[in-house]
Structures are given as C-alpha cells and as structure tokens.
Amino acid sequence: MICWKCGKEINIEQVARTTECPSCAADLHCCKACKFYSSGSHYDCRETVDQAVTDKEKANFCDYFKYNMQLVSKGGEDKAAAAKDAFNALFGG
C-alpha cells in the first residue's frame, strides 16, 4: 500500500480510523485516501454520503471508506487521474 500524502510504501494490512502513515503521520482513514474520493463529485465522493466531510485530509468515521489501492508513489504520480480531477473540479463532471 502507498501513503496518499507522502507516496511512500507502507506495510499495513488494515486501515482503522486512527491509523497513520509511519513515515509522515498522515491520517490514512480519510477522504483523500479513499477509493471513492472524486474531486468535483457531490461532496467529492462517488458514494451516496449524506453530509460533506469538510477536511478531506483528516480521519473520519465514513462507513463507505475503502483504502485506494490504486495510489501510486509520488515519484510516479498518475497524471491522468490528476487531469481528470482537475477537469471535474472545473466542470462538475
């Protein structure tokens, strides 16, 4: 698994609400690390959440959370996903 924030590989089997990256101490149970996170979607989420999470980088209690195993290291950022997120943020797609 890769940390969503620092891009370092981490060896954690399950992400609990209080789990942090051992390298940068970023919360891992957060919107930015979730496979349903989609900037520009309703509440920035592809799931049908009832209320917005204001800080997408902090741990939360979302029941839909699933760690995004498609994250890539910072050295090889997924440019296509970044472009899609930028497009969705501009045009609400």
PDB file of N, CA and C in Angstrom:
ATOM      1  N   MET A   1       0.852  -1.166   0.000  1.00  0.00           N
ATOM      2  CA  MET A   1       0.000   0.000   0.000  1.00  0.00           C
ATOM      3  C   MET A   1       0.902   1.235   0.000  1.00  0.00           C
ATOM      4  N   ILE A   2       0.421   2.305  -0.610  1.00  0.00           N
ATOM      5  CA  ILE A   2       1.164   3.560  -0.731  1.00  0.00           C
ATOM      6  C   ILE A   2       0.438   4.645   0.071  1.00  0.00           C
ATOM      7  N   CYS A   3       1.178   5.467   0.778  1.00  0.00           N
ATOM      8  CA  CYS A   3       0.582   6.595   1.507  1.00  0.00           C
ATOM      9  C   CYS A   3       0.081   7.626   0.505  1.00  0.00           C
ATOM     10  N   TRP A   4      -1.140   8.089   0.691  1.00  0.00           N
ATOM     11  CA  TRP A   4      -1.737   9.060  -0.208  1.00  0.00           C
ATOM     12  C   TRP A   4      -1.007  10.397  -0.153  1.00  0.00           C
ATOM     13  N   LYS A   5      -0.354  10.707   0.971  1.00  0.00           N
ATOM     14  CA  LYS A   5       0.255  12.026   1.143  1.00  0.00           C
ATOM     15  C   LYS A   5       1.741  12.057   0.769  1.00  0.00           C
ATOM     16  N   CYS A   6       2.536  11.169   1.334  1.00  0.00           N
ATOM     17  CA  CYS A   6       3.982  11.219   1.083  1.00  0.00           C
ATOM     18  C   CYS A   6       4.417  10.292  -0.046  1.00  0.00           C
ATOM     19  N   GLY A   7       3.551   9.342  -0.444  1.00  0.00           N
ATOM     20  CA  GLY A   7       3.857   8.455  -1.544  1.00  0.00           C
ATOM     21  C   GLY A   7       4.788   7.308  -1.203  1.00  0.00           C
ATOM     22  N   LYS A   8       5.096   7.142   0.073  1.00  0.00           N
ATOM     23  CA  LYS A   8       5.983   6.042   0.466  1.00  0.00           C
ATOM     24  C   LYS A   8       5.183   4.766   0.662  1.00  0.00           C
ATOM     25  N   GLU A   9       5.839   3.659   0.376  1.00  0.00           N
ATOM     26  CA  GLU A   9       5.204   2.368   0.567  1.00  0.00           C
ATOM     27  C   GLU A   9       5.113   2.077   2.061  1.00  0.00           C
ATOM     28  N   ILE A  10       3.947   1.596   2.477  1.00  0.00           N
ATOM     29  CA  ILE A  10       3.728   1.268   3.881  1.00  0.00           C
ATOM     30  C   ILE A  10       3.206  -0.159   3.976  1.00  0.00           C
ATOM     31  N   ASN A  11       3.565  -0.817   5.052  1.00  0.00           N
ATOM     32  CA  ASN A  11       3.168  -2.206   5.242  1.00  0.00           C
ATOM     33  C   ASN A  11       2.118  -2.276   6.349  1.00  0.00           C
ATOM     34  N   ILE A  12       0.874  -1.998   5.976  1.00  0.00           N
ATOM     35  CA  ILE A  12      -0.251  -2.042   6.910  1.00  0.00           C
ATOM     36  C   ILE A  12      -1.325  -2.890   6.255  1.00  0.00           C
ATOM     37  N   GLU A  13      -1.843  -3.862   6.993  1.00  0.00           N
ATOM     38  CA  GLU A  13      -2.833  -4.757   6.412  1.00  0.00           C
ATOM     39  C   GLU A  13      -4.239  -4.181   6.413  1.00  0.00           C
ATOM     40  N   GLN A  14      -4.599  -3.463   7.469  1.00  0.00           N
ATOM     41  CA  GLN A  14      -5.941  -2.909   7.561  1.00  0.00           C
ATOM     42  C   GLN A  14      -5.863  -1.482   8.092  1.00  0.00           C
ATOM     43  N   VAL A  15      -6.635  -0.595   7.488  1.00  0.00           N
ATOM     44  CA  VAL A  15      -6.646   0.804   7.898  1.00  0.00           C
ATOM     45  C   VAL A  15      -7.832   1.043   8.823  1.00  0.00           C
ATOM     46  N   ALA A  16      -7.535   1.356  10.082  1.00  0.00           N
ATOM     47  CA  ALA A  16      -8.566   1.716  11.056  1.00  0.00           C
ATOM     48  C   ALA A  16      -8.702   3.241  11.067  1.00  0.00           C
ATOM     49  N   ARG A  17      -9.689   3.764  11.764  1.00  0.00           N
ATOM     50  CA  ARG A  17      -9.915   5.206  11.780  1.00  0.00           C
ATOM     51  C   ARG A  17      -8.714   5.982  12.307  1.00  0.00           C
ATOM     52  N   THR A  18      -7.952   5.400  13.205  1.00  0.00           N
ATOM     53  CA  THR A  18      -6.829   6.121  13.807  1.00  0.00           C
ATOM     54  C   THR A  18      -5.474   5.769  13.192  1.00  0.00           C
ATOM     55  N   THR A  19      -5.449   4.982  12.127  1.00  0.00           N
ATOM     56  CA  THR A  19      -4.194   4.572  11.510  1.00  0.00           C
ATOM     57  C   THR A  19      -3.512   5.750  10.831  1.00  0.00           C
ATOM     58  N   GLU A  20      -2.193   5.874  11.091  1.00  0.00           N
ATOM     59  CA  GLU A  20      -1.402   6.945  10.484  1.00  0.00           C
ATOM     60  C   GLU A  20      -0.254   6.348   9.680  1.00  0.00           C
ATOM     61  N   CYS A  21       0.229   7.102   8.716  1.00  0.00           N
ATOM     62  CA  CYS A  21       1.397   6.691   7.940  1.00  0.00           C
ATOM     63  C   CYS A  21       2.616   6.724   8.855  1.00  0.00           C
ATOM     64  N   PRO A  22       3.405   5.657   8.901  1.00  0.00           N
ATOM     65  CA  PRO A  22       4.593   5.651   9.754  1.00  0.00           C
ATOM     66  C   PRO A  22       5.674   6.635   9.286  1.00  0.00           C
ATOM     67  N   SER A  23       5.622   7.067   8.041  1.00  0.00           N
ATOM     68  CA  SER A  23       6.635   7.981   7.516  1.00  0.00           C
ATOM     69  C   SER A  23       6.300   9.451   7.739  1.00  0.00           C
ATOM     70  N   CYS A  24       5.032   9.834   7.464  1.00  0.00           N
ATOM     71  CA  CYS A  24       4.686  11.263   7.534  1.00  0.00           C
ATOM     72  C   CYS A  24       3.583  11.577   8.542  1.00  0.00           C
ATOM     73  N   ALA A  25       3.037  10.569   9.203  1.00  0.00           N
ATOM     74  CA  ALA A  25       1.983  10.710  10.216  1.00  0.00           C
ATOM     75  C   ALA A  25       0.657  11.222   9.654  1.00  0.00           C
ATOM     76  N   ALA A  26       0.454  11.099   8.348  1.00  0.00           N
ATOM     77  CA  ALA A  26      -0.831  11.487   7.761  1.00  0.00           C
ATOM     78  C   ALA A  26      -1.895  10.470   8.153  1.00  0.00           C
ATOM     79  N   ASP A  27      -3.108  10.954   8.371  1.00  0.00           N
ATOM     80  CA  ASP A  27      -4.228  10.056   8.628  1.00  0.00           C
ATOM     81  C   ASP A  27      -4.489   9.240   7.371  1.00  0.00           C
ATOM     82  N   LEU A  28      -4.693   7.938   7.518  1.00  0.00           N
ATOM     83  CA  LEU A  28      -4.933   7.085   6.360  1.00  0.00           C
ATOM     84  C   LEU A  28      -6.416   6.808   6.127  1.00  0.00           C
ATOM     85  N   HIS A  29      -7.238   6.950   7.169  1.00  0.00           N
ATOM     86  CA  HIS A  29      -8.687   6.760   7.019  1.00  0.00           C
ATOM     87  C   HIS A  29      -9.309   8.118   6.751  1.00  0.00           C
ATOM     88  N   CYS A  30      -9.041   8.651   5.565  1.00  0.00           N
ATOM     89  CA  CYS A  30      -9.538   9.984   5.205  1.00  0.00           C
ATOM     90  C   CYS A  30     -10.010   9.968   3.755  1.00  0.00           C
ATOM     91  N   CYS A  31     -10.731  10.995   3.365  1.00  0.00           N
ATOM     92  CA  CYS A  31     -11.292  11.068   2.017  1.00  0.00           C
ATOM     93  C   CYS A  31     -10.224  10.947   0.931  1.00  0.00           C
ATOM     94  N   LYS A  32      -9.115  11.654   1.095  1.00  0.00           N
ATOM     95  CA  LYS A  32      -8.085  11.673   0.049  1.00  0.00           C
ATOM     96  C   LYS A  32      -7.465  10.298  -0.169  1.00  0.00           C
ATOM     97  N   ALA A  33      -7.589   9.386   0.784  1.00  0.00           N
ATOM     98  CA  ALA A  33      -7.025   8.046   0.656  1.00  0.00           C
ATOM     99  C   ALA A  33      -8.072   7.021   0.240  1.00  0.00           C
ATOM    100  N   CYS A  34      -9.314   7.459   0.092  1.00  0.00           N
ATOM    101  CA  CYS A  34     -10.413   6.539  -0.189  1.00  0.00           C
ATOM    102  C   CYS A  34     -10.581   6.302  -1.686  1.00  0.00           C
ATOM    103  N   LYS A  35     -10.945   5.082  -2.051  1.00  0.00           N
ATOM    104  CA  LYS A  35     -11.141   4.768  -3.461  1.00  0.00           C
ATOM    105  C   LYS A  35     -12.381   5.453  -4.028  1.00  0.00           C
ATOM    106  N   PHE A  36     -13.265   5.961  -3.184  1.00  0.00           N
ATOM    107  CA  PHE A  36     -14.457   6.651  -3.649  1.00  0.00           C
ATOM    108  C   PHE A  36     -14.260   8.169  -3.759  1.00  0.00           C
ATOM    109  N   TYR A  37     -13.097   8.679  -3.333  1.00  0.00           N
ATOM    110  CA  TYR A  37     -12.832  10.118  -3.415  1.00  0.00           C
ATOM    111  C   TYR A  37     -12.765  10.541  -4.886  1.00  0.00           C
ATOM    112  N   SER A  38     -13.512  11.585  -5.206  1.00  0.00           N
ATOM    113  CA  SER A  38     -13.540  12.099  -6.569  1.00  0.00           C
ATOM    114  C   SER A  38     -13.794  13.594  -6.515  1.00  0.00           C
ATOM    115  N   SER A  39     -12.734  14.355  -6.626  1.00  0.00           N
ATOM    116  CA  SER A  39     -12.846  15.809  -6.578  1.00  0.00           C
ATOM    117  C   SER A  39     -13.827  16.279  -7.650  1.00  0.00           C
ATOM    118  N   GLY A  40     -14.771  17.087  -7.244  1.00  0.00           N
ATOM    119  CA  GLY A  40     -15.770  17.599  -8.170  1.00  0.00           C
ATOM    120  C   GLY A  40     -17.090  16.856  -8.121  1.00  0.00           C
ATOM    121  N   SER A  41     -17.097  15.639  -7.601  1.00  0.00           N
ATOM    122  CA  SER A  41     -18.348  14.910  -7.432  1.00  0.00           C
ATOM    123  C   SER A  41     -19.116  15.518  -6.253  1.00  0.00           C
ATOM    124  N   HIS A  42     -20.369  15.097  -6.084  1.00  0.00           N
ATOM    125  CA  HIS A  42     -21.159  15.576  -4.953  1.00  0.00           C
ATOM    126  C   HIS A  42     -20.442  15.228  -3.654  1.00  0.00           C
ATOM    127  N   TYR A  43     -20.119  16.226  -2.877  1.00  0.00           N
ATOM    128  CA  TYR A  43     -19.322  16.080  -1.647  1.00  0.00           C
ATOM    129  C   TYR A  43     -17.956  15.424  -1.908  1.00  0.00           C
ATOM    130  N   ASP A  44     -17.483  15.494  -3.142  1.00  0.00           N
ATOM    131  CA  ASP A  44     -16.198  14.910  -3.557  1.00  0.00           C
ATOM    132  C   ASP A  44     -16.158  13.401  -3.336  1.00  0.00           C
ATOM    133  N   CYS A  45     -17.298  12.747  -3.468  1.00  0.00           N
ATOM    134  CA  CYS A  45     -17.380  11.307  -3.206  1.00  0.00           C
ATOM    135  C   CYS A  45     -18.284  10.638  -4.229  1.00  0.00           C
ATOM    136  N   ARG A  46     -17.872   9.454  -4.703  1.00  0.00           N
ATOM    137  CA  ARG A  46     -18.689   8.691  -5.646  1.00  0.00           C
ATOM    138  C   ARG A  46     -19.748   7.846  -4.931  1.00  0.00           C
ATOM    139  N   GLU A  47     -19.730   7.817  -3.606  1.00  0.00           N
ATOM    140  CA  GLU A  47     -20.761   7.120  -2.840  1.00  0.00           C
ATOM    141  C   GLU A  47     -21.868   8.115  -2.478  1.00  0.00           C
ATOM    142  N   THR A  48     -22.975   7.614  -1.995  1.00  0.00           N
ATOM    143  CA  THR A  48     -24.110   8.473  -1.656  1.00  0.00           C
ATOM    144  C   THR A  48     -24.054   8.893  -0.193  1.00  0.00           C
ATOM    145  N   VAL A  49     -23.059   9.696   0.158  1.00  0.00           N
ATOM    146  CA  VAL A  49     -22.919  10.164   1.537  1.00  0.00           C
ATOM    147  C   VAL A  49     -23.957  11.233   1.820  1.00  0.00           C
ATOM    148  N   ASP A  50     -24.394  11.307   3.078  1.00  0.00           N
ATOM    149  CA  ASP A  50     -25.448  12.231   3.464  1.00  0.00           C
ATOM    150  C   ASP A  50     -24.960  13.627   3.797  1.00  0.00           C
ATOM    151  N   GLN A  51     -23.700  13.748   4.214  1.00  0.00           N
ATOM    152  CA  GLN A  51     -23.182  15.069   4.528  1.00  0.00           C
ATOM    153  C   GLN A  51     -21.708  15.144   4.176  1.00  0.00           C
ATOM    154  N   ALA A  52     -21.276  16.358   3.885  1.00  0.00           N
ATOM    155  CA  ALA A  52     -19.901  16.580   3.443  1.00  0.00           C
ATOM    156  C   ALA A  52     -18.923  16.433   4.602  1.00  0.00           C
ATOM    157  N   VAL A  53     -17.751  15.922   4.283  1.00  0.00           N
ATOM    158  CA  VAL A  53     -16.626  15.932   5.213  1.00  0.00           C
ATOM    159  C   VAL A  53     -15.819  17.162   4.843  1.00  0.00           C
ATOM    160  N   THR A  54     -15.658  18.081   5.785  1.00  0.00           N
ATOM    161  CA  THR A  54     -15.020  19.355   5.444  1.00  0.00           C
ATOM    162  C   THR A  54     -13.521  19.250   5.238  1.00  0.00           C
ATOM    163  N   ASP A  55     -12.842  18.456   6.039  1.00  0.00           N
ATOM    164  CA  ASP A  55     -11.391  18.306   5.891  1.00  0.00           C
ATOM    165  C   ASP A  55     -11.099  16.933   5.306  1.00  0.00           C
ATOM    166  N   LYS A  56     -10.793  16.902   4.027  1.00  0.00           N
ATOM    167  CA  LYS A  56     -10.600  15.651   3.299  1.00  0.00           C
ATOM    168  C   LYS A  56      -9.302  14.935   3.669  1.00  0.00           C
ATOM    169  N   GLU A  57      -8.427  15.600   4.445  1.00  0.00           N
ATOM    170  CA  GLU A  57      -7.141  15.007   4.819  1.00  0.00           C
ATOM    171  C   GLU A  57      -7.103  14.497   6.252  1.00  0.00           C
ATOM    172  N   LYS A  58      -8.167  14.651   6.992  1.00  0.00           N
ATOM    173  CA  LYS A  58      -8.235  14.207   8.389  1.00  0.00           C
ATOM    174  C   LYS A  58      -9.074  12.938   8.514  1.00  0.00           C
ATOM    175  N   ALA A  59      -8.767  12.142   9.525  1.00  0.00           N
ATOM    176  CA  ALA A  59      -9.503  10.905   9.768  1.00  0.00           C
ATOM    177  C   ALA A  59     -10.982  11.199   9.978  1.00  0.00           C
ATOM    178  N   ASN A  60     -11.842  10.274   9.516  1.00  0.00           N
ATOM    179  CA  ASN A  60     -13.280  10.445   9.680  1.00  0.00           C
ATOM    180  C   ASN A  60     -13.934   9.094   9.970  1.00  0.00           C
ATOM    181  N   PHE A  61     -15.233   9.119  10.163  1.00  0.00           N
ATOM    182  CA  PHE A  61     -15.970   7.915  10.537  1.00  0.00           C
ATOM    183  C   PHE A  61     -16.786   7.337   9.379  1.00  0.00           C
ATOM    184  N   CYS A  62     -16.454   7.666   8.148  1.00  0.00           N
ATOM    185  CA  CYS A  62     -17.237   7.238   6.991  1.00  0.00           C
ATOM    186  C   CYS A  62     -17.313   5.712   6.900  1.00  0.00           C
ATOM    187  N   ASP A  63     -18.526   5.200   6.780  1.00  0.00           N
ATOM    188  CA  ASP A  63     -18.737   3.755   6.665  1.00  0.00           C
ATOM    189  C   ASP A  63     -18.406   3.218   5.279  1.00  0.00           C
ATOM    190  N   TYR A  64     -18.355   4.090   4.279  1.00  0.00           N
ATOM    191  CA  TYR A  64     -18.057   3.669   2.911  1.00  0.00           C
ATOM    192  C   TYR A  64     -16.557   3.547   2.647  1.00  0.00           C
ATOM    193  N   PHE A  65     -15.717   4.010   3.558  1.00  0.00           N
ATOM    194  CA  PHE A  65     -14.281   4.090   3.320  1.00  0.00           C
ATOM    195  C   PHE A  65     -13.666   2.760   2.900  1.00  0.00           C
ATOM    196  N   LYS A  66     -12.908   2.809   1.810  1.00  0.00           N
ATOM    197  CA  LYS A  66     -12.075   1.691   1.349  1.00  0.00           C
ATOM    198  C   LYS A  66     -10.772   2.330   0.866  1.00  0.00           C
ATOM    199  N   TYR A  67      -9.647   1.860   1.395  1.00  0.00           N
ATOM    200  CA  TYR A  67      -8.370   2.468   1.019  1.00  0.00           C
ATOM    201  C   TYR A  67      -8.131   2.298  -0.479  1.00  0.00           C
ATOM    202  N   ASN A  68      -7.689   3.352  -1.112  1.00  0.00           N
ATOM    203  CA  ASN A  68      -7.433   3.344  -2.550  1.00  0.00           C
ATOM    204  C   ASN A  68      -6.117   2.630  -2.839  1.00  0.00           C
ATOM    205  N   MET A  69      -6.199   1.389  -3.234  1.00  0.00           N
ATOM    206  CA  MET A  69      -5.006   0.608  -3.517  1.00  0.00           C
ATOM    207  C   MET A  69      -4.391   0.978  -4.862  1.00  0.00           C
ATOM    208  N   GLN A  70      -5.037   1.867  -5.619  1.00  0.00           N
ATOM    209  CA  GLN A  70      -4.521   2.306  -6.911  1.00  0.00           C
ATOM    210  C   GLN A  70      -3.596   3.511  -6.783  1.00  0.00           C
ATOM    211  N   LEU A  71      -3.389   3.997  -5.568  1.00  0.00           N
ATOM    212  CA  LEU A  71      -2.482   5.128  -5.375  1.00  0.00           C
ATOM    213  C   LEU A  71      -1.092   4.736  -5.845  1.00  0.00           C
ATOM    214  N   VAL A  72      -0.386   5.688  -6.423  1.00  0.00           N
ATOM    215  CA  VAL A  72       0.983   5.440  -6.884  1.00  0.00           C
ATOM    216  C   VAL A  72       1.931   6.318  -6.087  1.00  0.00           C
ATOM    217  N   SER A  73       3.193   5.940  -6.066  1.00  0.00           N
ATOM    218  CA  SER A  73       4.174   6.720  -5.309  1.00  0.00           C
ATOM    219  C   SER A  73       4.299   8.112  -5.893  1.00  0.00           C
ATOM    220  N   LYS A  74       4.713   9.072  -5.088  1.00  0.00           N
ATOM    221  CA  LYS A  74       4.848  10.458  -5.529  1.00  0.00           C
ATOM    222  C   LYS A  74       5.816  10.598  -6.698  1.00  0.00           C
ATOM    223  N   GLY A  75       6.771   9.692  -6.801  1.00  0.00           N
ATOM    224  CA  GLY A  75       7.713   9.743  -7.910  1.00  0.00           C
ATOM    225  C   GLY A  75       7.069   9.385  -9.239  1.00  0.00           C
ATOM    226  N   GLY A  76       5.922   8.732  -9.222  1.00  0.00           N
ATOM    227  CA  GLY A  76       5.258   8.332 -10.450  1.00  0.00           C
ATOM    228  C   GLY A  76       3.778   8.651 -10.401  1.00  0.00           C
ATOM    229  N   GLU A  77       3.441   9.872 -10.034  1.00  0.00           N
ATOM    230  CA  GLU A  77       2.051  10.271  -9.892  1.00  0.00           C
ATOM    231  C   GLU A  77       1.243   9.954 -11.142  1.00  0.00           C
ATOM    232  N   ASP A  78       0.018   9.572 -10.940  1.00  0.00           N
ATOM    233  CA  ASP A  78      -0.873   9.246 -12.035  1.00  0.00           C
ATOM    234  C   ASP A  78      -1.390  10.539 -12.646  1.00  0.00           C
ATOM    235  N   LYS A  79      -0.785  10.977 -13.736  1.00  0.00           N
ATOM    236  CA  LYS A  79      -1.132  12.253 -14.364  1.00  0.00           C
ATOM    237  C   LYS A  79      -2.539  12.232 -14.948  1.00  0.00           C
ATOM    238  N   ALA A  80      -2.984  11.096 -15.440  1.00  0.00           N
ATOM    239  CA  ALA A  80      -4.327  11.014 -15.995  1.00  0.00           C
ATOM    240  C   ALA A  80      -5.378  11.250 -14.908  1.00  0.00           C
ATOM    241  N   ALA A  81      -5.181  10.659 -13.737  1.00  0.00           N
ATOM    242  CA  ALA A  81      -6.125  10.856 -12.634  1.00  0.00           C
ATOM    243  C   ALA A  81      -6.111  12.300 -12.157  1.00  0.00           C
ATOM    244  N   ALA A  82      -4.936  12.911 -12.106  1.00  0.00           N
ATOM    245  CA  ALA A  82      -4.830  14.318 -11.702  1.00  0.00           C
ATOM    246  C   ALA A  82      -5.548  15.219 -12.706  1.00  0.00           C
ATOM    247  N   ALA A  83      -5.397  14.920 -13.984  1.00  0.00           N
ATOM    248  CA  ALA A  83      -6.068  15.709 -15.018  1.00  0.00           C
ATOM    249  C   ALA A  83      -7.587  15.546 -14.917  1.00  0.00           C
ATOM    250  N   LYS A  84      -8.043  14.326 -14.669  1.00  0.00           N
ATOM    251  CA  LYS A  84      -9.476  14.072 -14.525  1.00  0.00           C
ATOM    252  C   LYS A  84     -10.040  14.829 -13.334  1.00  0.00           C
ATOM    253  N   ASP A  85      -9.330  14.798 -12.201  1.00  0.00           N
ATOM    254  CA  ASP A  85      -9.776  15.520 -11.020  1.00  0.00           C
ATOM    255  C   ASP A  85      -9.853  17.019 -11.290  1.00  0.00           C
ATOM    256  N   ALA A  86      -8.856  17.557 -11.991  1.00  0.00           N
ATOM    257  CA  ALA A  86      -8.867  18.987 -12.331  1.00  0.00           C
ATOM    258  C   ALA A  86     -10.051  19.323 -13.232  1.00  0.00           C
ATOM    259  N   PHE A  87     -10.314  18.481 -14.219  1.00  0.00           N
ATOM    260  CA  PHE A  87     -11.459  18.685 -15.120  1.00  0.00           C
ATOM    261  C   PHE A  87     -12.757  18.662 -14.336  1.00  0.00           C
ATOM    262  N   ASN A  88     -12.929  17.657 -13.465  1.00  0.00           N
ATOM    263  CA  ASN A  88     -14.157  17.545 -12.676  1.00  0.00           C
ATOM    264  C   ASN A  88     -14.341  18.740 -11.753  1.00  0.00           C
ATOM    265  N   ALA A  89     -13.260  19.243 -11.199  1.00  0.00           N
ATOM    266  CA  ALA A  89     -13.355  20.408 -10.321  1.00  0.00           C
ATOM    267  C   ALA A  89     -13.821  21.635 -11.094  1.00  0.00           C
ATOM    268  N   LEU A  90     -13.387  21.758 -12.332  1.00  0.00           N
ATOM    269  CA  LEU A  90     -13.787  22.912 -13.159  1.00  0.00           C
ATOM    270  C   LEU A  90     -15.197  22.809 -13.687  1.00  0.00           C
ATOM    271  N   PHE A  91     -15.573  21.634 -14.151  1.00  0.00           N
ATOM    272  CA  PHE A  91     -16.835  21.483 -14.869  1.00  0.00           C
ATOM    273  C   PHE A  91     -17.881  20.641 -14.132  1.00  0.00           C
ATOM    274  N   GLY A  92     -17.566  20.233 -12.916  1.00  0.00           N
ATOM    275  CA  GLY A  92     -18.536  19.484 -12.113  1.00  0.00           C
ATOM    276  C   GLY A  92     -18.909  18.141 -12.709  1.00  0.00           C
ATOM    277  N   GLY A  93     -17.947  17.486 -13.370  1.00  0.00           N
ATOM    278  CA  GLY A  93     -18.234  16.219 -14.060  1.00  0.00           C
ATOM    279  C   GLY A  93     -18.179  15.027 -13.234  1.00  0.00           C
TER     280      GLY A  93
END
